[in-house]
Amino acid sequence: MSLTLSGSEARSRGPALVFWRLWEMLGLSDTMKKSGASQNVAEIHGSLSRVKYRRCGTLFSASDLLRSQRCEKCGGRLRPDVVLFGEMLPVEQLRYAQDLSEGCDLFIVLGSSLQVSPANWFPMEAKNTGAQLVIVNLQGTPFDDIADVVISGNIDEILEQVGSKLSSS
């Protein structure tokens, strides 16, 4: 597959929002923040780079997971700071994701089937407020019909091509 990129006129609505459900779950959103690639990341599924006490929610670096002591305040044990099956998504991160979605000019979905709510609401929020929607996924999604661009393929290969094109321009 060959990828062609062309210049486009920037709009002043705000930064591009990238919906990286898969990467977020793998803890790569922290990597993006630390690398300076993105500071505006809504971690609706949490992050593997942090751990927290089960009861009080006090946060620590993931390297602290190896310690087995209980919290002095709540008596809880440490666990990864991610949303597990059946748990509620953090309201503040959902609100932040909604704000980013409503204020972006470009919303890129990478590696998501867009089948699970509420995370699949954000592309529609962005579209409804005038953003362009780009979907990159191996399989089709329920949002392909409203997307401005749909790229079917392996994300690693596609992003490698995008990086090559951007670095050569």
Protein backbone atom coordinates (compact mmCIF):
# COMPACT_ATOMS: atom_id res chain seq x y z
CA MET A 1 0.00 0.00 0.00
CA SER A 2 1.30 3.44 -0.89
CA LEU A 3 0.34 6.48 1.15
CA THR A 4 0.21 9.97 -0.30
CA LEU A 5 0.07 12.98 1.99
CA SER A 6 -0.78 16.46 0.82
CA GLY A 7 -0.81 19.81 2.59
CA SER A 8 -4.03 21.13 4.00
CA GLU A 9 -5.10 24.46 5.41
CA ALA A 10 -4.93 24.44 9.21
CA ARG A 11 -8.00 25.51 11.10
CA SER A 12 -7.81 27.30 14.41
CA ARG A 13 -10.25 25.09 16.34
CA GLY A 14 -7.57 23.33 18.34
CA PRO A 15 -5.04 20.53 18.23
CA ALA A 16 -5.67 17.21 16.56
CA LEU A 17 -7.12 14.61 18.87
CA VAL A 18 -5.95 11.09 18.41
CA PHE A 19 -8.11 8.32 19.76
CA TRP A 20 -5.66 5.53 20.58
CA ARG A 21 -7.77 3.07 22.47
CA LEU A 22 -5.39 0.17 21.91
CA TRP A 23 -2.26 2.17 22.64
CA GLU A 24 -3.86 3.76 25.66
CA MET A 25 -4.66 0.32 27.10
CA LEU A 26 -1.05 -0.73 26.55
CA GLY A 27 0.18 2.29 28.47
CA LEU A 28 1.64 4.01 25.41
CA SER A 29 -0.24 7.24 26.02
CA ASP A 30 2.32 7.98 28.76
CA THR A 31 5.09 7.33 26.24
CA MET A 32 3.47 9.85 23.90
CA LYS A 33 3.31 12.43 26.69
CA LYS A 34 6.89 11.87 27.82
CA SER A 35 8.23 12.02 24.26
CA GLY A 36 6.53 15.37 23.77
CA ALA A 37 4.42 13.96 20.93
CA SER A 38 1.24 14.82 22.79
CA GLN A 39 0.37 16.56 26.03
CA ASN A 40 -3.41 16.35 25.56
CA VAL A 41 -4.21 12.70 26.20
CA ALA A 42 -7.43 11.59 27.88
CA GLU A 43 -6.59 8.28 29.53
CA ILE A 44 -10.09 6.88 29.74
CA HIS A 45 -8.76 3.37 30.31
CA GLY A 46 -6.03 4.44 32.74
CA SER A 47 -2.33 3.78 32.35
CA LEU A 48 0.02 0.90 33.05
CA SER A 49 2.73 3.38 34.02
CA ARG A 50 0.97 4.00 37.35
CA VAL A 51 -0.34 1.91 40.22
CA LYS A 52 -2.81 2.92 42.89
CA TYR A 53 -4.13 1.68 46.18
CA ARG A 54 -7.41 -0.19 45.70
CA ARG A 55 -9.35 1.68 48.36
CA CYS A 56 -8.09 5.27 48.51
CA GLY A 57 -6.77 5.60 44.95
CA THR A 58 -3.40 7.16 45.90
CA LEU A 59 -1.16 6.96 42.81
CA PHE A 60 2.46 5.80 42.49
CA SER A 61 4.87 4.86 39.71
CA ALA A 62 4.37 1.35 38.28
CA SER A 63 7.77 0.36 39.65
CA ASP A 64 6.17 0.53 43.12
CA LEU A 65 3.89 -2.40 42.25
CA LEU A 66 6.62 -4.78 43.38
CA ARG A 67 6.31 -3.61 46.95
CA SER A 68 3.65 -5.57 48.76
CA GLN A 69 2.90 -3.25 51.65
CA ARG A 70 -0.58 -1.99 52.39
CA CYS A 71 -1.55 1.67 52.41
CA GLU A 72 -1.17 3.26 55.84
CA LYS A 73 -4.36 5.31 55.34
CA CYS A 74 -6.80 2.82 53.81
CA GLY A 75 -5.19 -0.61 54.22
CA GLY A 76 -5.61 -1.30 50.48
CA ARG A 77 -3.11 -3.07 48.22
CA LEU A 78 -1.51 -1.66 45.07
CA ARG A 79 -2.97 -2.47 41.66
CA PRO A 80 -2.39 -1.13 38.12
CA ASP A 81 -4.13 2.19 37.43
CA VAL A 82 -6.24 0.80 34.59
CA VAL A 83 -9.96 0.23 34.20
CA LEU A 84 -10.68 -3.48 34.48
CA PHE A 85 -13.69 -5.27 33.03
CA GLY A 86 -16.84 -4.24 34.85
CA GLU A 87 -15.35 -1.10 36.38
CA MET A 88 -16.54 2.44 35.68
CA LEU A 89 -14.46 4.69 33.45
CA PRO A 90 -13.09 7.76 35.25
CA VAL A 91 -15.61 10.59 34.85
CA GLU A 92 -12.96 13.35 34.77
CA GLN A 93 -11.11 11.63 31.91
CA LEU A 94 -14.37 11.10 29.99
CA ARG A 95 -15.18 14.79 30.34
CA TYR A 96 -11.68 15.71 29.23
CA ALA A 97 -11.99 13.40 26.20
CA GLN A 98 -15.31 15.02 25.34
CA ASP A 99 -13.79 18.51 25.60
CA LEU A 100 -10.88 17.48 23.37
CA SER A 101 -13.30 15.87 20.90
CA GLU A 102 -15.48 18.96 20.68
CA GLY A 103 -12.49 21.28 20.27
CA CYS A 104 -10.37 19.42 17.74
CA ASP A 105 -10.10 20.01 14.02
CA LEU A 106 -8.90 16.49 13.22
CA PHE A 107 -9.87 13.27 15.01
CA ILE A 108 -7.80 10.19 14.14
CA VAL A 109 -8.91 6.72 15.23
CA LEU A 110 -6.10 4.15 15.31
CA GLY A 111 -6.78 0.49 15.95
CA SER A 112 -10.29 0.52 17.35
CA SER A 113 -13.38 -1.34 16.21
CA LEU A 114 -15.43 1.59 17.58
CA GLN A 115 -17.88 -0.95 18.96
CA VAL A 116 -17.70 -0.07 22.67
CA SER A 117 -19.42 2.86 24.35
CA PRO A 118 -18.76 5.42 25.67
CA ALA A 119 -15.37 5.59 23.94
CA ASN A 120 -17.01 5.31 20.51
CA TRP A 121 -19.03 8.47 21.15
CA PHE A 122 -15.99 10.73 20.77
CA PRO A 123 -15.52 10.43 16.99
CA MET A 124 -19.16 11.47 16.51
CA GLU A 125 -18.73 14.37 18.96
CA ALA A 126 -15.77 15.58 16.91
CA LYS A 127 -17.64 15.16 13.61
CA ASN A 128 -20.69 17.01 14.96
CA THR A 129 -18.53 20.00 15.86
CA GLY A 130 -16.85 20.20 12.44
CA ALA A 131 -13.75 18.06 12.78
CA GLN A 132 -12.42 15.85 10.02
CA LEU A 133 -12.53 12.14 10.94
CA VAL A 134 -9.80 9.70 9.89
CA ILE A 135 -10.06 5.99 10.73
CA VAL A 136 -7.10 3.62 10.46
CA ASN A 137 -7.97 0.01 11.26
CA LEU A 138 -7.57 -3.52 9.90
CA GLN A 139 -11.33 -4.09 9.74
CA GLY A 140 -14.24 -1.85 8.93
CA THR A 141 -16.02 0.11 11.66
CA PRO A 142 -19.58 1.42 12.11
CA PHE A 143 -18.19 4.93 11.52
CA ASP A 144 -16.52 4.30 8.15
CA ASP A 145 -19.49 5.80 6.29
CA ILE A 146 -19.17 9.17 8.04
CA ALA A 147 -15.36 9.30 8.07
CA ASP A 148 -13.58 11.73 5.79
CA VAL A 149 -10.75 9.22 5.29
CA VAL A 150 -10.66 5.47 5.98
CA ILE A 151 -7.36 3.61 5.71
CA SER A 152 -7.51 -0.17 6.01
CA GLY A 153 -4.29 -1.83 7.00
CA ASN A 154 -1.66 -2.51 9.61
CA ILE A 155 -1.24 0.54 11.85
CA ASP A 156 2.52 0.07 12.26
CA GLU A 157 3.07 0.03 8.50
CA ILE A 158 0.77 2.98 7.89
CA LEU A 159 2.31 5.11 10.64
CA GLU A 160 5.78 4.25 9.38
CA GLN A 161 4.78 5.55 5.93
CA VAL A 162 3.28 8.69 7.45
CA GLY A 163 6.47 9.28 9.46
CA SER A 164 8.62 8.83 6.36
CA LYS A 165 6.49 11.25 4.36
CA LEU A 166 6.51 13.85 7.13
CA SER A 167 10.25 13.61 7.74
CA SER A 168 11.01 14.00 4.03
CA SER A 169 8.83 17.09 3.62
